[in-house]
Amino acid sequence: MLDPLSLLTLNERTIDAVRNQGLGLVVALTGHAEAGQVVRQVAAELLDCLDSELLASFDADQLLDYRDRRPQISFLGDHFAAYQAPRLELYRLTDGLGQDFLLLTGPEPDLQWERFASAVVLLAQALNVRLAASFSAVPMPVPHTRPLGVTVHGNRPDLIEGISTWKPTAEIPAAAAHLLELRLIDAGRDAVGYSLHVPHYLAEAEYPQVAVAALEYLGAALGLGLPTDRLRESARRVEAEIAEQVAGSPDVQRMLAGFEARFDARAPEDGPRSLLINPGAELPGGEELAEAAEAFLAGQADDGGPSAEYS
């Protein structure tokens, strides 16, 4: 492996400050398992609402496949300008209560995962990170009219036990954040992750409800007061839009009633709820789901919100 530290450019003025020691770390990497655009929303809200200072930058040229995820650039009539270089960075932020924490944010690396994880572990050790908390969101066949479920993982029983509403045993595609969690634990650091369950018919749209839930879990785990007011207001608008679309579509009503019945039937049986369809039950087909979600998703696009298609 190449030297992990050569991936890093440190802010020499601030990285060694005493106030950076012993903080919690939020891991917010875009590009994997971010149904409802949860990672983008959370990272943007934290950086927009809280005071921040850059502590370290990663060499994105060594970690990203630009042909797979092409950066944006502006074309102004007869020339190019404003190339938007991807950034993978570590910040110190200060919450509304004056408490500091760290934020690792940017695109998930495409390449050199072990080297990237080693670099983050070295930073965590140097800064004596007390807890690393990651989050993600996955599409699930659940109704938006019920509380968002969550699957919790890590090595802190006090932050895990009794919280998960679904505890599967499965082989799944890995993410860089998963590997980072493993390597931090191997290095003797505490880590916890929250995988939230987003209704699959809303997974491609911006769903502020899941960002609020993620911030609540992160805040509780790290003892922080994280900003949610603007996202809650957005969530209320989205709820009203969904309610309007459901009221105007018998197809959506039938789909929603089916998901609610399955959810409620499972809820009292197993303690920690399984939000999956009952074993052997058949999921609705792609066409049925697309038709059921069409009104809401089309409505968001018409209102200037992010367009989305179920796929």
C-alpha atoms as a PDB file:
ATOM      1  CA  MET A   1       0.000   0.000   0.000  1.00  0.00           C
ATOM      2  CA  LEU A   2       1.201   3.514  -0.784  1.00  0.00           C
ATOM      3  CA  ASP A   3       1.700   5.836   2.175  1.00  0.00           C
ATOM      4  CA  PRO A   4      -1.801   6.803   3.402  1.00  0.00           C
ATOM      5  CA  LEU A   5      -0.569  10.121   4.746  1.00  0.00           C
ATOM      6  CA  SER A   6       0.457  11.213   1.253  1.00  0.00           C
ATOM      7  CA  LEU A   7      -3.260  11.459   0.446  1.00  0.00           C
ATOM      8  CA  LEU A   8      -3.611  14.273   2.963  1.00  0.00           C
ATOM      9  CA  THR A   9      -3.009  17.991   2.912  1.00  0.00           C
ATOM     10  CA  LEU A  10      -3.265  19.300   6.467  1.00  0.00           C
ATOM     11  CA  ASN A  11      -4.173  22.787   7.574  1.00  0.00           C
ATOM     12  CA  GLU A  12      -1.001  23.373   9.539  1.00  0.00           C
ATOM     13  CA  ARG A  13      -2.457  26.413  11.304  1.00  0.00           C
ATOM     14  CA  THR A  14      -5.322  24.531  12.925  1.00  0.00           C
ATOM     15  CA  ILE A  15      -4.838  20.770  12.820  1.00  0.00           C
ATOM     16  CA  ASP A  16      -2.798  20.669  16.061  1.00  0.00           C
ATOM     17  CA  ALA A  17      -5.138  22.889  18.078  1.00  0.00           C
ATOM     18  CA  VAL A  18      -6.146  21.452  21.446  1.00  0.00           C
ATOM     19  CA  ARG A  19      -9.833  22.054  20.634  1.00  0.00           C
ATOM     20  CA  ASN A  20      -9.633  19.404  17.884  1.00  0.00           C
ATOM     21  CA  GLN A  21      -8.816  16.644  20.371  1.00  0.00           C
ATOM     22  CA  GLY A  22     -11.329  14.111  21.670  1.00  0.00           C
ATOM     23  CA  LEU A  23     -14.217  15.101  19.400  1.00  0.00           C
ATOM     24  CA  GLY A  24     -16.905  13.047  17.724  1.00  0.00           C
ATOM     25  CA  LEU A  25     -16.682  12.455  13.976  1.00  0.00           C
ATOM     26  CA  VAL A  26     -19.590  12.462  11.508  1.00  0.00           C
ATOM     27  CA  VAL A  27     -18.865  10.500   8.320  1.00  0.00           C
ATOM     28  CA  ALA A  28     -20.915  11.812   5.362  1.00  0.00           C
ATOM     29  CA  LEU A  29     -19.781  10.267   2.067  1.00  0.00           C
ATOM     30  CA  THR A  30     -22.047  10.674  -0.955  1.00  0.00           C
ATOM     31  CA  GLY A  31     -22.487   8.100  -3.690  1.00  0.00           C
ATOM     32  CA  HIS A  32     -23.807   5.006  -1.923  1.00  0.00           C
ATOM     33  CA  ALA A  33     -27.003   4.152  -0.018  1.00  0.00           C
ATOM     34  CA  GLU A  34     -28.369   7.677   0.127  1.00  0.00           C
ATOM     35  CA  ALA A  35     -32.046   7.163  -0.609  1.00  0.00           C
ATOM     36  CA  GLY A  36     -33.932  10.426  -0.267  1.00  0.00           C
ATOM     37  CA  GLN A  37     -30.626  12.229  -0.938  1.00  0.00           C
ATOM     38  CA  VAL A  38     -29.925  11.954   2.784  1.00  0.00           C
ATOM     39  CA  VAL A  39     -26.142  12.440   2.755  1.00  0.00           C
ATOM     40  CA  ARG A  40     -26.250  15.449   0.462  1.00  0.00           C
ATOM     41  CA  GLN A  41     -28.958  17.094   2.581  1.00  0.00           C
ATOM     42  CA  VAL A  42     -27.258  16.464   5.919  1.00  0.00           C
ATOM     43  CA  ALA A  43     -23.794  17.589   4.785  1.00  0.00           C
ATOM     44  CA  ALA A  44     -25.185  20.720   3.146  1.00  0.00           C
ATOM     45  CA  GLU A  45     -27.226  21.623   6.225  1.00  0.00           C
ATOM     46  CA  LEU A  46     -24.298  21.184   8.599  1.00  0.00           C
ATOM     47  CA  LEU A  47     -21.875  23.218   6.488  1.00  0.00           C
ATOM     48  CA  ASP A  48     -24.445  25.904   5.706  1.00  0.00           C
ATOM     49  CA  CYS A  49     -25.792  26.403   9.229  1.00  0.00           C
ATOM     50  CA  LEU A  50     -22.745  25.892  11.459  1.00  0.00           C
ATOM     51  CA  ASP A  51     -19.377  27.597  11.813  1.00  0.00           C
ATOM     52  CA  SER A  52     -16.681  25.443  10.216  1.00  0.00           C
ATOM     53  CA  GLU A  53     -12.938  25.319   9.726  1.00  0.00           C
ATOM     54  CA  LEU A  54     -11.110  23.087   7.250  1.00  0.00           C
ATOM     55  CA  LEU A  55      -8.616  20.760   8.937  1.00  0.00           C
ATOM     56  CA  ALA A  56      -7.532  18.412   6.141  1.00  0.00           C
ATOM     57  CA  SER A  57      -8.130  17.661   2.459  1.00  0.00           C
ATOM     58  CA  PHE A  58      -7.751  14.371   0.585  1.00  0.00           C
ATOM     59  CA  ASP A  59      -6.201  14.118  -2.873  1.00  0.00           C
ATOM     60  CA  ALA A  60      -9.362  13.419  -4.878  1.00  0.00           C
ATOM     61  CA  ASP A  61      -7.377  12.807  -8.076  1.00  0.00           C
ATOM     62  CA  GLN A  62      -6.033   9.607  -6.546  1.00  0.00           C
ATOM     63  CA  LEU A  63      -9.357   8.390  -5.142  1.00  0.00           C
ATOM     64  CA  LEU A  64     -12.036   9.142  -7.734  1.00  0.00           C
ATOM     65  CA  ASP A  65     -12.929   7.761 -11.148  1.00  0.00           C
ATOM     66  CA  TYR A  66     -13.968  10.917 -12.988  1.00  0.00           C
ATOM     67  CA  ARG A  67     -15.298   9.014 -16.010  1.00  0.00           C
ATOM     68  CA  ASP A  68     -17.771   7.239 -13.753  1.00  0.00           C
ATOM     69  CA  ARG A  69     -18.828  10.367 -11.837  1.00  0.00           C
ATOM     70  CA  ARG A  70     -17.936  13.345 -13.995  1.00  0.00           C
ATOM     71  CA  PRO A  71     -17.420  16.703 -12.277  1.00  0.00           C
ATOM     72  CA  GLN A  72     -19.406  19.687 -13.540  1.00  0.00           C
ATOM     73  CA  ILE A  73     -18.032  22.606 -15.518  1.00  0.00           C
ATOM     74  CA  SER A  74     -19.745  25.705 -16.903  1.00  0.00           C
ATOM     75  CA  PHE A  75     -19.818  26.524 -20.629  1.00  0.00           C
ATOM     76  CA  LEU A  76     -20.311  30.247 -21.258  1.00  0.00           C
ATOM     77  CA  GLY A  77     -21.124  30.667 -24.937  1.00  0.00           C
ATOM     78  CA  ASP A  78     -17.597  30.260 -26.256  1.00  0.00           C
ATOM     79  CA  HIS A  79     -15.461  29.141 -23.328  1.00  0.00           C
ATOM     80  CA  PHE A  80     -15.375  26.924 -20.256  1.00  0.00           C
ATOM     81  CA  ALA A  81     -15.208  28.268 -16.698  1.00  0.00           C
ATOM     82  CA  ALA A  82     -15.846  27.368 -13.067  1.00  0.00           C
ATOM     83  CA  TYR A  83     -14.679  23.751 -13.040  1.00  0.00           C
ATOM     84  CA  GLN A  84     -16.219  22.172  -9.928  1.00  0.00           C
ATOM     85  CA  ALA A  85     -13.425  19.982  -8.625  1.00  0.00           C
ATOM     86  CA  PRO A  86     -14.625  17.265  -6.249  1.00  0.00           C
ATOM     87  CA  ARG A  87     -13.561  17.775  -2.646  1.00  0.00           C
ATOM     88  CA  LEU A  88     -13.141  15.209   0.103  1.00  0.00           C
ATOM     89  CA  GLU A  89     -12.423  17.081   3.318  1.00  0.00           C
ATOM     90  CA  LEU A  90     -12.310  17.015   7.101  1.00  0.00           C
ATOM     91  CA  TYR A  91     -13.828  19.988   8.938  1.00  0.00           C
ATOM     92  CA  ARG A  92     -14.244  21.034  12.538  1.00  0.00           C
ATOM     93  CA  LEU A  93     -17.764  22.365  13.093  1.00  0.00           C
ATOM     94  CA  THR A  94     -19.385  24.004  16.108  1.00  0.00           C
ATOM     95  CA  ASP A  95     -22.996  23.132  16.935  1.00  0.00           C
ATOM     96  CA  GLY A  96     -25.699  25.448  18.257  1.00  0.00           C
ATOM     97  CA  LEU A  97     -24.615  24.735  21.841  1.00  0.00           C
ATOM     98  CA  GLY A  98     -21.003  25.698  21.202  1.00  0.00           C
ATOM     99  CA  GLN A  99     -19.761  22.107  21.055  1.00  0.00           C
ATOM    100  CA  ASP A 100     -17.161  21.136  18.463  1.00  0.00           C
ATOM    101  CA  PHE A 101     -17.224  18.025  16.294  1.00  0.00           C
ATOM    102  CA  LEU A 102     -15.568  16.751  13.128  1.00  0.00           C
ATOM    103  CA  LEU A 103     -17.176  16.219   9.728  1.00  0.00           C
ATOM    104  CA  LEU A 104     -15.646  14.051   7.006  1.00  0.00           C
ATOM    105  CA  THR A 105     -17.548  14.837   3.827  1.00  0.00           C
ATOM    106  CA  GLY A 106     -17.311  14.463   0.074  1.00  0.00           C
ATOM    107  CA  PRO A 107     -17.771  11.775  -2.567  1.00  0.00           C
ATOM    108  CA  GLU A 108     -17.163   8.166  -1.621  1.00  0.00           C
ATOM    109  CA  PRO A 109     -13.765   7.113  -3.022  1.00  0.00           C
ATOM    110  CA  ASP A 110     -13.904   4.875  -6.101  1.00  0.00           C
ATOM    111  CA  LEU A 111     -10.321   3.701  -5.659  1.00  0.00           C
ATOM    112  CA  GLN A 112      -7.818   2.805  -2.934  1.00  0.00           C
ATOM    113  CA  TRP A 113     -10.334   2.144  -0.165  1.00  0.00           C
ATOM    114  CA  GLU A 114      -7.800   0.569   2.195  1.00  0.00           C
ATOM    115  CA  ARG A 115      -5.402   3.465   1.770  1.00  0.00           C
ATOM    116  CA  PHE A 116      -8.210   5.978   2.317  1.00  0.00           C
ATOM    117  CA  ALA A 117      -9.432   4.126   5.420  1.00  0.00           C
ATOM    118  CA  SER A 118      -5.884   3.974   6.779  1.00  0.00           C
ATOM    119  CA  ALA A 119      -5.514   7.730   6.322  1.00  0.00           C
ATOM    120  CA  VAL A 120      -8.772   8.373   8.188  1.00  0.00           C
ATOM    121  CA  VAL A 121      -7.758   5.993  10.981  1.00  0.00           C
ATOM    122  CA  LEU A 122      -4.440   7.812  11.358  1.00  0.00           C
ATOM    123  CA  LEU A 123      -6.294  11.121  11.587  1.00  0.00           C
ATOM    124  CA  ALA A 124      -8.718   9.636  14.130  1.00  0.00           C
ATOM    125  CA  GLN A 125      -5.828   8.410  16.260  1.00  0.00           C
ATOM    126  CA  ALA A 126      -3.935  11.701  16.039  1.00  0.00           C
ATOM    127  CA  LEU A 127      -7.061  13.648  17.000  1.00  0.00           C
ATOM    128  CA  ASN A 128      -8.190  11.064  19.586  1.00  0.00           C
ATOM    129  CA  VAL A 129     -11.652  10.793  18.016  1.00  0.00           C
ATOM    130  CA  ARG A 130     -13.999   9.489  20.711  1.00  0.00           C
ATOM    131  CA  LEU A 131     -16.748   8.173  18.398  1.00  0.00           C
ATOM    132  CA  ALA A 132     -17.214   7.981  14.628  1.00  0.00           C
ATOM    133  CA  ALA A 133     -20.837   8.043  13.494  1.00  0.00           C
ATOM    134  CA  SER A 134     -21.905   7.321   9.918  1.00  0.00           C
ATOM    135  CA  PHE A 135     -25.323   7.250   8.297  1.00  0.00           C
ATOM    136  CA  SER A 136     -27.023   6.103   5.121  1.00  0.00           C
ATOM    137  CA  ALA A 137     -30.511   5.426   3.784  1.00  0.00           C
ATOM    138  CA  VAL A 138     -31.870   2.486   1.823  1.00  0.00           C
ATOM    139  CA  PRO A 139     -35.159   2.074  -0.084  1.00  0.00           C
ATOM    140  CA  MET A 140     -37.615  -0.245   1.665  1.00  0.00           C
ATOM    141  CA  PRO A 141     -41.223  -1.362   0.997  1.00  0.00           C
ATOM    142  CA  VAL A 142     -42.611   0.731   3.861  1.00  0.00           C
ATOM    143  CA  PRO A 143     -45.241   3.499   3.980  1.00  0.00           C
ATOM    144  CA  HIS A 144     -44.362   7.159   4.486  1.00  0.00           C
ATOM    145  CA  THR A 145     -47.219   7.368   7.015  1.00  0.00           C
ATOM    146  CA  ARG A 146     -45.271   5.363   9.606  1.00  0.00           C
ATOM    147  CA  PRO A 147     -42.088   6.293  11.517  1.00  0.00           C
ATOM    148  CA  LEU A 148     -38.856   5.754   9.607  1.00  0.00           C
ATOM    149  CA  GLY A 149     -37.170   2.523  10.568  1.00  0.00           C
ATOM    150  CA  VAL A 150     -33.458   2.082  11.128  1.00  0.00           C
ATOM    151  CA  THR A 151     -30.776  -0.592  11.232  1.00  0.00           C
ATOM    152  CA  VAL A 152     -27.922   0.242  13.601  1.00  0.00           C
ATOM    153  CA  HIS A 153     -24.407  -1.231  13.533  1.00  0.00           C
ATOM    154  CA  GLY A 154     -21.034  -0.728  15.215  1.00  0.00           C
ATOM    155  CA  ASN A 155     -19.321  -1.648  18.479  1.00  0.00           C
ATOM    156  CA  ARG A 156     -21.234   0.471  21.006  1.00  0.00           C
ATOM    157  CA  PRO A 157     -24.024  -1.634  22.562  1.00  0.00           C
ATOM    158  CA  ASP A 158     -25.425   1.411  24.378  1.00  0.00           C
ATOM    159  CA  LEU A 159     -26.063   3.063  21.010  1.00  0.00           C
ATOM    160  CA  ILE A 160     -27.317  -0.063  19.240  1.00  0.00           C
ATOM    161  CA  GLU A 161     -29.344  -2.390  21.452  1.00  0.00           C
ATOM    162  CA  GLY A 162     -33.109  -2.089  21.121  1.00  0.00           C
ATOM    163  CA  ILE A 163     -32.980   0.556  18.391  1.00  0.00           C
ATOM    164  CA  SER A 164     -32.885  -1.421  15.146  1.00  0.00           C
ATOM    165  CA  THR A 165     -36.268  -2.086  13.580  1.00  0.00           C
ATOM    166  CA  TRP A 166     -34.745  -4.580  11.156  1.00  0.00           C
ATOM    167  CA  LYS A 167     -31.697  -6.785  11.845  1.00  0.00           C
ATOM    168  CA  PRO A 168     -30.921  -8.797   8.708  1.00  0.00           C
ATOM    169  CA  THR A 169     -28.185 -11.324   8.053  1.00  0.00           C
ATOM    170  CA  ALA A 170     -27.150 -10.861   4.439  1.00  0.00           C
ATOM    171  CA  GLU A 171     -24.348 -10.360   1.944  1.00  0.00           C
ATOM    172  CA  ILE A 172     -24.572  -6.808   0.602  1.00  0.00           C
ATOM    173  CA  PRO A 173     -22.423  -4.594  -1.631  1.00  0.00           C
ATOM    174  CA  ALA A 174     -19.807  -2.864   0.509  1.00  0.00           C
ATOM    175  CA  ALA A 175     -19.302   0.869   0.834  1.00  0.00           C
ATOM    176  CA  ALA A 176     -16.176   2.793   1.770  1.00  0.00           C
ATOM    177  CA  ALA A 177     -17.940   3.871   4.981  1.00  0.00           C
ATOM    178  CA  HIS A 178     -18.472   0.203   5.894  1.00  0.00           C
ATOM    179  CA  LEU A 179     -14.780  -0.524   5.497  1.00  0.00           C
ATOM    180  CA  LEU A 180     -13.900   2.606   7.442  1.00  0.00           C
ATOM    181  CA  GLU A 181     -16.139   1.471  10.306  1.00  0.00           C
ATOM    182  CA  LEU A 182     -14.367  -1.907  10.380  1.00  0.00           C
ATOM    183  CA  ARG A 183     -10.899  -0.352  10.321  1.00  0.00           C
ATOM    184  CA  LEU A 184     -11.720   2.173  13.039  1.00  0.00           C
ATOM    185  CA  ILE A 185     -12.990  -0.619  15.281  1.00  0.00           C
ATOM    186  CA  ASP A 186      -9.895  -2.718  14.480  1.00  0.00           C
ATOM    187  CA  ALA A 187      -7.812   0.271  15.608  1.00  0.00           C
ATOM    188  CA  GLY A 188      -9.637   0.416  18.947  1.00  0.00           C
ATOM    189  CA  ARG A 189     -11.953   3.314  18.094  1.00  0.00           C
ATOM    190  CA  ASP A 190     -15.679   3.425  18.813  1.00  0.00           C
ATOM    191  CA  ALA A 191     -17.956   3.520  15.773  1.00  0.00           C
ATOM    192  CA  VAL A 192     -21.694   3.452  15.102  1.00  0.00           C
ATOM    193  CA  GLY A 193     -23.720   3.662  11.911  1.00  0.00           C
ATOM    194  CA  TYR A 194     -27.382   4.304  11.164  1.00  0.00           C
ATOM    195  CA  SER A 195     -29.025   2.931   8.012  1.00  0.00           C
ATOM    196  CA  LEU A 196     -32.457   4.531   7.682  1.00  0.00           C
ATOM    197  CA  HIS A 197     -35.351   2.947   5.794  1.00  0.00           C
ATOM    198  CA  VAL A 198     -36.912   5.219   3.170  1.00  0.00           C
ATOM    199  CA  PRO A 199     -40.161   4.374   1.357  1.00  0.00           C
ATOM    200  CA  HIS A 200     -38.947   3.038  -1.975  1.00  0.00           C
ATOM    201  CA  TYR A 201     -41.412   5.095  -3.978  1.00  0.00           C
ATOM    202  CA  LEU A 202     -39.737   8.248  -2.578  1.00  0.00           C
ATOM    203  CA  ALA A 203     -36.143   7.036  -2.682  1.00  0.00           C
ATOM    204  CA  GLU A 204     -35.107   9.011  -5.772  1.00  0.00           C
ATOM    205  CA  ALA A 205     -36.678  12.276  -4.612  1.00  0.00           C
ATOM    206  CA  GLU A 206     -35.277  14.684  -2.041  1.00  0.00           C
ATOM    207  CA  TYR A 207     -36.921  13.504   1.176  1.00  0.00           C
ATOM    208  CA  PRO A 208     -36.120  15.889   4.050  1.00  0.00           C
ATOM    209  CA  GLN A 209     -37.785  13.617   6.609  1.00  0.00           C
ATOM    210  CA  VAL A 210     -34.890  11.162   6.361  1.00  0.00           C
ATOM    211  CA  ALA A 211     -32.317  13.954   6.770  1.00  0.00           C
ATOM    212  CA  VAL A 212     -34.083  15.096   9.958  1.00  0.00           C
ATOM    213  CA  ALA A 213     -34.023  11.537  11.291  1.00  0.00           C
ATOM    214  CA  ALA A 214     -30.331  11.149  10.450  1.00  0.00           C
ATOM    215  CA  LEU A 215     -29.454  14.374  12.262  1.00  0.00           C
ATOM    216  CA  GLU A 216     -31.463  13.258  15.295  1.00  0.00           C
ATOM    217  CA  TYR A 217     -29.601   9.942  15.502  1.00  0.00           C
ATOM    218  CA  LEU A 218     -26.228  11.603  14.969  1.00  0.00           C
ATOM    219  CA  GLY A 219     -26.980  14.279  17.547  1.00  0.00           C
ATOM    220  CA  ALA A 220     -28.100  11.736  20.134  1.00  0.00           C
ATOM    221  CA  ALA A 221     -25.057   9.507  19.576  1.00  0.00           C
ATOM    222  CA  LEU A 222     -22.535  12.346  19.721  1.00  0.00           C
ATOM    223  CA  GLY A 223     -24.310  14.564  22.263  1.00  0.00           C
ATOM    224  CA  LEU A 224     -24.702  17.442  19.799  1.00  0.00           C
ATOM    225  CA  GLY A 225     -27.378  20.012  19.018  1.00  0.00           C
ATOM    226  CA  LEU A 226     -27.582  19.721  15.236  1.00  0.00           C
ATOM    227  CA  PRO A 227     -29.682  22.026  13.025  1.00  0.00           C
ATOM    228  CA  THR A 228     -32.999  20.606  11.814  1.00  0.00           C
ATOM    229  CA  ASP A 229     -35.404  23.575  11.692  1.00  0.00           C
ATOM    230  CA  ARG A 230     -35.120  24.273   7.956  1.00  0.00           C
ATOM    231  CA  LEU A 231     -35.319  20.592   7.092  1.00  0.00           C
ATOM    232  CA  ARG A 232     -38.392  20.157   9.293  1.00  0.00           C
ATOM    233  CA  GLU A 233     -40.086  23.009   7.447  1.00  0.00           C
ATOM    234  CA  SER A 234     -39.214  21.380   4.132  1.00  0.00           C
ATOM    235  CA  ALA A 235     -40.513  18.070   5.463  1.00  0.00           C
ATOM    236  CA  ARG A 236     -43.866  19.649   6.303  1.00  0.00           C
ATOM    237  CA  ARG A 237     -44.170  20.959   2.749  1.00  0.00           C
ATOM    238  CA  VAL A 238     -43.300  17.551   1.320  1.00  0.00           C
ATOM    239  CA  GLU A 239     -45.825  15.848   3.606  1.00  0.00           C
ATOM    240  CA  ALA A 240     -48.531  18.221   2.366  1.00  0.00           C
ATOM    241  CA  GLU A 241     -47.594  17.546  -1.266  1.00  0.00           C
ATOM    242  CA  ILE A 242     -47.657  13.789  -0.713  1.00  0.00           C
ATOM    243  CA  ALA A 243     -51.025  13.988   1.057  1.00  0.00           C
ATOM    244  CA  GLU A 244     -52.465  15.972  -1.844  1.00  0.00           C
ATOM    245  CA  GLN A 245     -51.189  13.495  -4.419  1.00  0.00           C
ATOM    246  CA  VAL A 246     -52.400  10.489  -2.412  1.00  0.00           C
ATOM    247  CA  ALA A 247     -55.859  12.021  -2.041  1.00  0.00           C
ATOM    248  CA  GLY A 248     -56.093  12.450  -5.801  1.00  0.00           C
ATOM    249  CA  SER A 249     -54.944   8.971  -6.824  1.00  0.00           C
ATOM    250  CA  PRO A 250     -56.807   5.720  -6.050  1.00  0.00           C
ATOM    251  CA  ASP A 251     -53.746   3.781  -7.233  1.00  0.00           C
ATOM    252  CA  VAL A 252     -51.526   5.472  -4.673  1.00  0.00           C
ATOM    253  CA  GLN A 253     -54.159   4.964  -1.972  1.00  0.00           C
ATOM    254  CA  ARG A 254     -54.340   1.228  -2.649  1.00  0.00           C
ATOM    255  CA  MET A 255     -50.568   0.858  -2.639  1.00  0.00           C
ATOM    256  CA  LEU A 256     -50.227   2.869   0.559  1.00  0.00           C
ATOM    257  CA  ALA A 257     -52.978   0.896   2.320  1.00  0.00           C
ATOM    258  CA  GLY A 258     -51.208  -2.345   1.431  1.00  0.00           C
ATOM    259  CA  PHE A 259     -47.893  -1.155   2.835  1.00  0.00           C
ATOM    260  CA  GLU A 260     -49.581   0.151   5.988  1.00  0.00           C
ATOM    261  CA  ALA A 261     -51.352  -3.174   6.556  1.00  0.00           C
ATOM    262  CA  ARG A 262     -48.122  -5.149   6.157  1.00  0.00           C
ATOM    263  CA  PHE A 263     -46.197  -2.731   8.385  1.00  0.00           C
ATOM    264  CA  ASP A 264     -48.830  -2.789  11.138  1.00  0.00           C
ATOM    265  CA  ALA A 265     -49.212  -6.570  10.972  1.00  0.00           C
ATOM    266  CA  ARG A 266     -45.509  -7.026  11.606  1.00  0.00           C
ATOM    267  CA  ALA A 267     -45.070  -4.309  14.222  1.00  0.00           C
ATOM    268  CA  PRO A 268     -46.535  -6.076  17.302  1.00  0.00           C
ATOM    269  CA  GLU A 269     -45.020  -9.493  16.634  1.00  0.00           C
ATOM    270  CA  ASP A 270     -41.274  -9.246  16.883  1.00  0.00           C
ATOM    271  CA  GLY A 271     -40.278  -6.478  19.291  1.00  0.00           C
ATOM    272  CA  PRO A 272     -37.682  -4.896  17.010  1.00  0.00           C
ATOM    273  CA  ARG A 273     -39.841  -4.686  13.933  1.00  0.00           C
ATOM    274  CA  SER A 274     -39.087  -6.324  10.631  1.00  0.00           C
ATOM    275  CA  LEU A 275     -40.122  -3.873   7.957  1.00  0.00           C
ATOM    276  CA  LEU A 276     -39.764  -6.348   5.134  1.00  0.00           C
ATOM    277  CA  ILE A 277     -42.679  -7.838   3.318  1.00  0.00           C
ATOM    278  CA  ASN A 278     -43.825 -11.057   4.997  1.00  0.00           C
ATOM    279  CA  PRO A 279     -41.801 -14.075   3.838  1.00  0.00           C
ATOM    280  CA  GLY A 280     -43.198 -15.409   0.610  1.00  0.00           C
ATOM    281  CA  ALA A 281     -45.245 -12.320  -0.097  1.00  0.00           C
ATOM    282  CA  GLU A 282     -44.843 -10.793  -3.528  1.00  0.00           C
ATOM    283  CA  LEU A 283     -43.662  -7.238  -3.976  1.00  0.00           C
ATOM    284  CA  PRO A 284     -45.622  -5.090  -6.403  1.00  0.00           C
ATOM    285  CA  GLY A 285     -44.161  -5.083  -9.878  1.00  0.00           C
ATOM    286  CA  GLY A 286     -42.123  -2.218 -11.259  1.00  0.00           C
ATOM    287  CA  GLU A 287     -44.980  -0.891 -13.388  1.00  0.00           C
ATOM    288  CA  GLU A 288     -47.369  -0.847 -10.440  1.00  0.00           C
ATOM    289  CA  LEU A 289     -44.858   1.012  -8.275  1.00  0.00           C
ATOM    290  CA  ALA A 290     -44.073   3.480 -11.031  1.00  0.00           C
ATOM    291  CA  GLU A 291     -47.756   4.229 -11.604  1.00  0.00           C
ATOM    292  CA  ALA A 292     -48.415   4.560  -7.886  1.00  0.00           C
ATOM    293  CA  ALA A 293     -45.565   7.004  -7.332  1.00  0.00           C
ATOM    294  CA  GLU A 294     -46.015   8.884 -10.606  1.00  0.00           C
ATOM    295  CA  ALA A 295     -48.329  11.567  -9.276  1.00  0.00           C
ATOM    296  CA  PHE A 296     -46.073  12.603  -6.407  1.00  0.00           C
ATOM    297  CA  LEU A 297     -42.820  12.489  -8.316  1.00  0.00           C
ATOM    298  CA  ALA A 298     -44.268  14.317 -11.306  1.00  0.00           C
ATOM    299  CA  GLY A 299     -45.736  16.886  -8.952  1.00  0.00           C
ATOM    300  CA  GLN A 300     -42.323  17.586  -7.438  1.00  0.00           C
ATOM    301  CA  ALA A 301     -40.828  18.104 -10.884  1.00  0.00           C
ATOM    302  CA  ASP A 302     -43.669  20.452 -11.876  1.00  0.00           C
ATOM    303  CA  ASP A 303     -43.118  22.505  -8.728  1.00  0.00           C
ATOM    304  CA  GLY A 304     -39.462  22.995  -9.494  1.00  0.00           C
ATOM    305  CA  GLY A 305     -38.252  20.271  -7.128  1.00  0.00           C
ATOM    306  CA  PRO A 306     -35.867  17.502  -8.129  1.00  0.00           C
ATOM    307  CA  SER A 307     -37.259  15.273 -10.840  1.00  0.00           C
ATOM    308  CA  ALA A 308     -37.214  11.572 -10.050  1.00  0.00           C
ATOM    309  CA  GLU A 309     -38.129   8.309 -11.630  1.00  0.00           C
ATOM    310  CA  TYR A 310     -38.540   4.968  -9.933  1.00  0.00           C
ATOM    311  CA  SER A 311     -36.026   2.502 -11.243  1.00  0.00           C
END
